[in-house]
């Protein structure tokens, strides 16, 4: 397994050799470095910690600041751990996209989806609402409808789809093709979770 951390720049489109427009997402992976190497002998498992970006010391916890200082690196914006890294790297190395991926590879992109706040059942679960505008319906177009039985079991079953907070969750989009690599900018086909400038993780 191999991976790299990046920042979602935005979306664009490319034309392939057949003249078909392919929607794509640009991800800037510049500035990644290896923070720590974990081994089976010391830590009980094999992994590589990858750091990205920079952050002010006053905006991070004391433990995070101490971890960066212990590994002789600046205070980082994000640290992600990648298990069973299959590329030989050393602590303090800078990671380049071309060392890990090439054009035509298929990668999984992990990110946090946009938070949409408290939403109703029509937007959150795709309900069609209660009936139409006829037969005496009033202000029921986007209502969830009945949610429970009557005297038995006299309760609402767990897991029933209702209104609630939507988005802001960890989402993985699998098998996105790398269309182009320009320096440290990776162009992947399709869309990836999160808003622009959001942190994402590419893994293979």
C-alpha atoms as a PDB file:
ATOM      1  CA  UNK A   1       0.000   0.000   0.000  1.00  0.00           C
ATOM      2  CA  UNK A   2       1.153   3.534  -0.713  1.00  0.00           C
ATOM      3  CA  UNK A   3      -0.401   6.946  -0.314  1.00  0.00           C
ATOM      4  CA  UNK A   4       0.077  10.702  -0.182  1.00  0.00           C
ATOM      5  CA  UNK A   5      -1.758  13.656   1.354  1.00  0.00           C
ATOM      6  CA  UNK A   6      -3.011  16.532  -0.765  1.00  0.00           C
ATOM      7  CA  UNK A   7      -5.273  19.552  -0.977  1.00  0.00           C
ATOM      8  CA  UNK A   8      -8.310  19.644  -3.242  1.00  0.00           C
ATOM      9  CA  UNK A   9      -7.818  22.597  -5.589  1.00  0.00           C
ATOM     10  CA  UNK A  10     -11.053  22.338  -7.558  1.00  0.00           C
ATOM     11  CA  UNK A  11     -12.676  20.695 -10.551  1.00  0.00           C
ATOM     12  CA  UNK A  12     -12.007  21.012 -14.253  1.00  0.00           C
ATOM     13  CA  UNK A  13     -12.366  18.892 -17.390  1.00  0.00           C
ATOM     14  CA  UNK A  14     -10.100  17.166 -19.892  1.00  0.00           C
ATOM     15  CA  UNK A  15     -10.659  15.850 -23.406  1.00  0.00           C
ATOM     16  CA  UNK A  16      -9.446  12.376 -24.235  1.00  0.00           C
ATOM     17  CA  UNK A  17      -8.244  11.148 -27.635  1.00  0.00           C
ATOM     18  CA  UNK A  18     -11.812  10.332 -28.687  1.00  0.00           C
ATOM     19  CA  UNK A  19     -13.000  13.876 -28.038  1.00  0.00           C
ATOM     20  CA  UNK A  20     -14.982  12.944 -24.929  1.00  0.00           C
ATOM     21  CA  UNK A  21     -15.036  15.448 -22.073  1.00  0.00           C
ATOM     22  CA  UNK A  22     -13.987  13.890 -18.761  1.00  0.00           C
ATOM     23  CA  UNK A  23     -14.786  15.790 -15.542  1.00  0.00           C
ATOM     24  CA  UNK A  24     -11.794  15.732 -13.211  1.00  0.00           C
ATOM     25  CA  UNK A  25     -10.481  17.029  -9.900  1.00  0.00           C
ATOM     26  CA  UNK A  26      -7.126  18.718  -9.282  1.00  0.00           C
ATOM     27  CA  UNK A  27      -5.274  17.720  -6.103  1.00  0.00           C
ATOM     28  CA  UNK A  28      -2.098  19.514  -4.993  1.00  0.00           C
ATOM     29  CA  UNK A  29       0.211  17.057  -3.196  1.00  0.00           C
ATOM     30  CA  UNK A  30       3.260  19.269  -2.853  1.00  0.00           C
ATOM     31  CA  UNK A  31       4.959  19.619   0.516  1.00  0.00           C
ATOM     32  CA  UNK A  32       4.447  16.086   1.841  1.00  0.00           C
ATOM     33  CA  UNK A  33       7.134  14.610   4.050  1.00  0.00           C
ATOM     34  CA  UNK A  34       7.693  11.459   6.066  1.00  0.00           C
ATOM     35  CA  UNK A  35       7.262  12.236   9.763  1.00  0.00           C
ATOM     36  CA  UNK A  36       7.798   8.857  11.405  1.00  0.00           C
ATOM     37  CA  UNK A  37       8.478   5.236  10.477  1.00  0.00           C
ATOM     38  CA  UNK A  38       6.682   2.652  12.618  1.00  0.00           C
ATOM     39  CA  UNK A  39       8.008  -0.911  12.727  1.00  0.00           C
ATOM     40  CA  UNK A  40       6.764  -4.238  13.994  1.00  0.00           C
ATOM     41  CA  UNK A  41       9.608  -4.518  16.500  1.00  0.00           C
ATOM     42  CA  UNK A  42       8.972  -1.193  18.211  1.00  0.00           C
ATOM     43  CA  UNK A  43       5.308  -0.360  17.581  1.00  0.00           C
ATOM     44  CA  UNK A  44       3.782  -3.759  16.841  1.00  0.00           C
ATOM     45  CA  UNK A  45       2.811  -2.874  13.275  1.00  0.00           C
ATOM     46  CA  UNK A  46       4.326  -1.423  10.128  1.00  0.00           C
ATOM     47  CA  UNK A  47       3.276   2.056   9.022  1.00  0.00           C
ATOM     48  CA  UNK A  48       4.481   5.404   7.733  1.00  0.00           C
ATOM     49  CA  UNK A  49       3.275   8.749   9.065  1.00  0.00           C
ATOM     50  CA  UNK A  50       2.919  11.342   6.306  1.00  0.00           C
ATOM     51  CA  UNK A  51       2.708  15.042   7.125  1.00  0.00           C
ATOM     52  CA  UNK A  52       1.322  17.832   4.976  1.00  0.00           C
ATOM     53  CA  UNK A  53       1.255  21.629   5.103  1.00  0.00           C
ATOM     54  CA  UNK A  54       2.107  23.942   7.970  1.00  0.00           C
ATOM     55  CA  UNK A  55       0.264  25.398  10.919  1.00  0.00           C
ATOM     56  CA  UNK A  56       0.967  27.923  13.673  1.00  0.00           C
ATOM     57  CA  UNK A  57       2.137  26.437  16.939  1.00  0.00           C
ATOM     58  CA  UNK A  58      -0.515  28.262  18.962  1.00  0.00           C
ATOM     59  CA  UNK A  59      -3.275  26.552  16.963  1.00  0.00           C
ATOM     60  CA  UNK A  60      -2.314  22.954  17.775  1.00  0.00           C
ATOM     61  CA  UNK A  61      -2.401  20.911  20.959  1.00  0.00           C
ATOM     62  CA  UNK A  62       0.651  20.518  23.144  1.00  0.00           C
ATOM     63  CA  UNK A  63       0.871  16.789  22.402  1.00  0.00           C
ATOM     64  CA  UNK A  64       0.759  17.369  18.637  1.00  0.00           C
ATOM     65  CA  UNK A  65       3.444  20.047  18.937  1.00  0.00           C
ATOM     66  CA  UNK A  66       5.618  17.704  21.003  1.00  0.00           C
ATOM     67  CA  UNK A  67       5.169  14.906  18.454  1.00  0.00           C
ATOM     68  CA  UNK A  68       6.386  17.163  15.639  1.00  0.00           C
ATOM     69  CA  UNK A  69       9.309  18.374  17.742  1.00  0.00           C
ATOM     70  CA  UNK A  70      10.297  14.810  18.681  1.00  0.00           C
ATOM     71  CA  UNK A  71      10.430  13.874  14.987  1.00  0.00           C
ATOM     72  CA  UNK A  72      12.398  17.055  14.122  1.00  0.00           C
ATOM     73  CA  UNK A  73       9.845  18.634  11.798  1.00  0.00           C
ATOM     74  CA  UNK A  74       7.828  21.819  11.711  1.00  0.00           C
ATOM     75  CA  UNK A  75       4.285  21.934  13.070  1.00  0.00           C
ATOM     76  CA  UNK A  76       2.211  20.317  10.340  1.00  0.00           C
ATOM     77  CA  UNK A  77      -1.320  20.913   9.180  1.00  0.00           C
ATOM     78  CA  UNK A  78      -2.208  17.231   8.893  1.00  0.00           C
ATOM     79  CA  UNK A  79      -0.606  13.873   9.707  1.00  0.00           C
ATOM     80  CA  UNK A  80      -1.996  10.675   8.198  1.00  0.00           C
ATOM     81  CA  UNK A  81      -0.748   7.184   8.888  1.00  0.00           C
ATOM     82  CA  UNK A  82      -0.456   4.672   6.046  1.00  0.00           C
ATOM     83  CA  UNK A  83      -0.167   1.009   7.005  1.00  0.00           C
ATOM     84  CA  UNK A  84       2.204  -1.420   5.262  1.00  0.00           C
ATOM     85  CA  UNK A  85       3.853   1.218   3.064  1.00  0.00           C
ATOM     86  CA  UNK A  86       5.471  -0.645   0.148  1.00  0.00           C
ATOM     87  CA  UNK A  87       7.974   2.079  -0.848  1.00  0.00           C
ATOM     88  CA  UNK A  88      11.314   2.416   0.937  1.00  0.00           C
ATOM     89  CA  UNK A  89      11.394   5.807   2.670  1.00  0.00           C
ATOM     90  CA  UNK A  90      13.201   7.299   5.632  1.00  0.00           C
ATOM     91  CA  UNK A  91      12.066   9.717   8.302  1.00  0.00           C
ATOM     92  CA  UNK A  92      12.388  13.296   7.044  1.00  0.00           C
ATOM     93  CA  UNK A  93      12.178  12.415   3.332  1.00  0.00           C
ATOM     94  CA  UNK A  94      10.083  14.563   1.020  1.00  0.00           C
ATOM     95  CA  UNK A  95       7.437  12.607  -0.891  1.00  0.00           C
ATOM     96  CA  UNK A  96       6.899  13.252  -4.586  1.00  0.00           C
ATOM     97  CA  UNK A  97       3.863  12.098  -6.506  1.00  0.00           C
ATOM     98  CA  UNK A  98       5.936  10.601  -9.312  1.00  0.00           C
ATOM     99  CA  UNK A  99       7.699   8.308  -6.829  1.00  0.00           C
ATOM    100  CA  UNK A 100       4.391   6.760  -5.785  1.00  0.00           C
ATOM    101  CA  UNK A 101       1.952   7.001  -8.690  1.00  0.00           C
ATOM    102  CA  UNK A 102       1.964   7.272 -12.451  1.00  0.00           C
ATOM    103  CA  UNK A 103      -0.570   8.288 -15.069  1.00  0.00           C
ATOM    104  CA  UNK A 104      -3.162   5.586 -15.650  1.00  0.00           C
ATOM    105  CA  UNK A 105      -3.086   4.274 -12.080  1.00  0.00           C
ATOM    106  CA  UNK A 106      -6.322   3.838 -10.159  1.00  0.00           C
ATOM    107  CA  UNK A 107      -6.433   5.287  -6.638  1.00  0.00           C
ATOM    108  CA  UNK A 108      -8.855   5.591  -3.739  1.00  0.00           C
ATOM    109  CA  UNK A 109      -9.436   9.123  -2.456  1.00  0.00           C
ATOM    110  CA  UNK A 110     -10.428   9.641   1.186  1.00  0.00           C
ATOM    111  CA  UNK A 111     -11.851  12.937   2.403  1.00  0.00           C
ATOM    112  CA  UNK A 112     -14.503  14.538   4.573  1.00  0.00           C
ATOM    113  CA  UNK A 113     -17.752  15.403   2.834  1.00  0.00           C
ATOM    114  CA  UNK A 114     -19.316  18.851   2.969  1.00  0.00           C
ATOM    115  CA  UNK A 115     -21.361  19.458   6.102  1.00  0.00           C
ATOM    116  CA  UNK A 116     -24.954  20.373   5.241  1.00  0.00           C
ATOM    117  CA  UNK A 117     -26.329  20.857   8.741  1.00  0.00           C
ATOM    118  CA  UNK A 118     -29.754  19.654   9.895  1.00  0.00           C
ATOM    119  CA  UNK A 119     -31.736  18.489   6.869  1.00  0.00           C
ATOM    120  CA  UNK A 120     -35.161  16.975   6.308  1.00  0.00           C
ATOM    121  CA  UNK A 121     -35.978  13.547   4.937  1.00  0.00           C
ATOM    122  CA  UNK A 122     -36.446  14.712   1.338  1.00  0.00           C
ATOM    123  CA  UNK A 123     -32.885  15.983   1.003  1.00  0.00           C
ATOM    124  CA  UNK A 124     -31.247  13.563   3.433  1.00  0.00           C
ATOM    125  CA  UNK A 125     -32.854  10.294   2.321  1.00  0.00           C
ATOM    126  CA  UNK A 126     -34.585  11.096  -0.958  1.00  0.00           C
ATOM    127  CA  UNK A 127     -38.179  10.837   0.303  1.00  0.00           C
ATOM    128  CA  UNK A 128     -40.857  12.133  -2.065  1.00  0.00           C
ATOM    129  CA  UNK A 129     -42.995  13.750   0.632  1.00  0.00           C
ATOM    130  CA  UNK A 130     -46.586  13.009   1.645  1.00  0.00           C
ATOM    131  CA  UNK A 131     -48.978  12.968  -1.306  1.00  0.00           C
ATOM    132  CA  UNK A 132     -49.580  15.892  -3.643  1.00  0.00           C
ATOM    133  CA  UNK A 133     -51.186  19.267  -3.236  1.00  0.00           C
ATOM    134  CA  UNK A 134     -54.743  17.936  -3.545  1.00  0.00           C
ATOM    135  CA  UNK A 135     -57.119  16.072  -1.212  1.00  0.00           C
ATOM    136  CA  UNK A 136     -56.762  18.532   1.622  1.00  0.00           C
ATOM    137  CA  UNK A 137     -52.976  18.345   1.920  1.00  0.00           C
ATOM    138  CA  UNK A 138     -51.602  21.411   3.660  1.00  0.00           C
ATOM    139  CA  UNK A 139     -47.916  22.043   4.326  1.00  0.00           C
ATOM    140  CA  UNK A 140     -47.155  18.313   4.049  1.00  0.00           C
ATOM    141  CA  UNK A 141     -45.194  18.255   0.794  1.00  0.00           C
ATOM    142  CA  UNK A 142     -41.841  17.504   2.437  1.00  0.00           C
ATOM    143  CA  UNK A 143     -43.042  15.687   5.552  1.00  0.00           C
ATOM    144  CA  UNK A 144     -41.747  12.202   6.469  1.00  0.00           C
ATOM    145  CA  UNK A 145     -45.174  10.638   7.014  1.00  0.00           C
ATOM    146  CA  UNK A 146     -45.957   7.997   9.611  1.00  0.00           C
ATOM    147  CA  UNK A 147     -43.005   6.959  11.780  1.00  0.00           C
ATOM    148  CA  UNK A 148     -44.394   4.287  14.102  1.00  0.00           C
ATOM    149  CA  UNK A 149     -47.025   1.621  14.700  1.00  0.00           C
ATOM    150  CA  UNK A 150     -50.040   2.075  16.985  1.00  0.00           C
ATOM    151  CA  UNK A 151     -50.648   0.209  20.252  1.00  0.00           C
ATOM    152  CA  UNK A 152     -48.057  -2.444  19.379  1.00  0.00           C
ATOM    153  CA  UNK A 153     -45.141  -2.029  19.705  1.00  0.00           C
ATOM    154  CA  UNK A 154     -45.953   1.540  20.806  1.00  0.00           C
ATOM    155  CA  UNK A 155     -42.534   2.836  19.896  1.00  0.00           C
ATOM    156  CA  UNK A 156     -40.429   3.885  16.932  1.00  0.00           C
ATOM    157  CA  UNK A 157     -37.999   1.249  15.665  1.00  0.00           C
ATOM    158  CA  UNK A 158     -34.305   2.044  15.856  1.00  0.00           C
ATOM    159  CA  UNK A 159     -32.650   3.041  12.598  1.00  0.00           C
ATOM    160  CA  UNK A 160     -35.725   4.652  11.074  1.00  0.00           C
ATOM    161  CA  UNK A 161     -34.736   7.246   8.513  1.00  0.00           C
ATOM    162  CA  UNK A 162     -35.588  10.682   9.834  1.00  0.00           C
ATOM    163  CA  UNK A 163     -34.398  14.267   9.632  1.00  0.00           C
ATOM    164  CA  UNK A 164     -30.981  14.972  11.136  1.00  0.00           C
ATOM    165  CA  UNK A 165     -27.458  16.202  10.546  1.00  0.00           C
ATOM    166  CA  UNK A 166     -26.176  15.487   7.074  1.00  0.00           C
ATOM    167  CA  UNK A 167     -22.643  15.446   5.678  1.00  0.00           C
ATOM    168  CA  UNK A 168     -19.364  16.069   7.445  1.00  0.00           C
ATOM    169  CA  UNK A 169     -18.445  12.375   7.316  1.00  0.00           C
ATOM    170  CA  UNK A 170     -15.406  10.436   6.164  1.00  0.00           C
ATOM    171  CA  UNK A 171     -16.027   9.323   2.576  1.00  0.00           C
ATOM    172  CA  UNK A 172     -13.906   7.090   0.339  1.00  0.00           C
ATOM    173  CA  UNK A 173     -14.304   7.209  -3.442  1.00  0.00           C
ATOM    174  CA  UNK A 174     -12.700   4.153  -5.021  1.00  0.00           C
ATOM    175  CA  UNK A 175     -11.000   3.465  -8.343  1.00  0.00           C
ATOM    176  CA  UNK A 176     -10.471   6.968  -9.698  1.00  0.00           C
ATOM    177  CA  UNK A 177      -8.097   7.049 -12.638  1.00  0.00           C
ATOM    178  CA  UNK A 178      -5.111   9.390 -12.606  1.00  0.00           C
ATOM    179  CA  UNK A 179      -5.441  11.236 -15.906  1.00  0.00           C
ATOM    180  CA  UNK A 180      -2.422  13.498 -15.596  1.00  0.00           C
ATOM    181  CA  UNK A 181       0.431  14.400 -13.237  1.00  0.00           C
ATOM    182  CA  UNK A 182       1.810  17.922 -13.542  1.00  0.00           C
ATOM    183  CA  UNK A 183       4.580  18.444 -11.012  1.00  0.00           C
ATOM    184  CA  UNK A 184       2.928  17.735  -7.682  1.00  0.00           C
ATOM    185  CA  UNK A 185      -0.603  18.308  -8.998  1.00  0.00           C
ATOM    186  CA  UNK A 186      -2.583  15.121  -9.598  1.00  0.00           C
ATOM    187  CA  UNK A 187      -5.573  15.174 -11.944  1.00  0.00           C
ATOM    188  CA  UNK A 188      -8.030  12.376 -11.159  1.00  0.00           C
ATOM    189  CA  UNK A 189     -11.177  11.511 -13.102  1.00  0.00           C
ATOM    190  CA  UNK A 190     -14.463  12.283 -11.378  1.00  0.00           C
ATOM    191  CA  UNK A 191     -15.167  14.060  -8.133  1.00  0.00           C
ATOM    192  CA  UNK A 192     -13.702  13.648  -4.657  1.00  0.00           C
ATOM    193  CA  UNK A 193     -15.368  14.408  -1.310  1.00  0.00           C
ATOM    194  CA  UNK A 194     -15.081  17.755   0.430  1.00  0.00           C
ATOM    195  CA  UNK A 195     -14.933  21.394  -0.509  1.00  0.00           C
ATOM    196  CA  UNK A 196     -12.104  23.234  -2.226  1.00  0.00           C
ATOM    197  CA  UNK A 197      -8.945  23.496  -0.079  1.00  0.00           C
ATOM    198  CA  UNK A 198     -10.036  20.418   1.851  1.00  0.00           C
ATOM    199  CA  UNK A 199      -7.444  17.805   2.834  1.00  0.00           C
ATOM    200  CA  UNK A 200      -7.691  14.445   1.033  1.00  0.00           C
ATOM    201  CA  UNK A 201      -5.657  11.256   1.075  1.00  0.00           C
ATOM    202  CA  UNK A 202      -4.768   9.331  -2.085  1.00  0.00           C
ATOM    203  CA  UNK A 203      -4.008   5.650  -1.609  1.00  0.00           C
ATOM    204  CA  UNK A 204      -3.321   2.678  -3.825  1.00  0.00           C
END
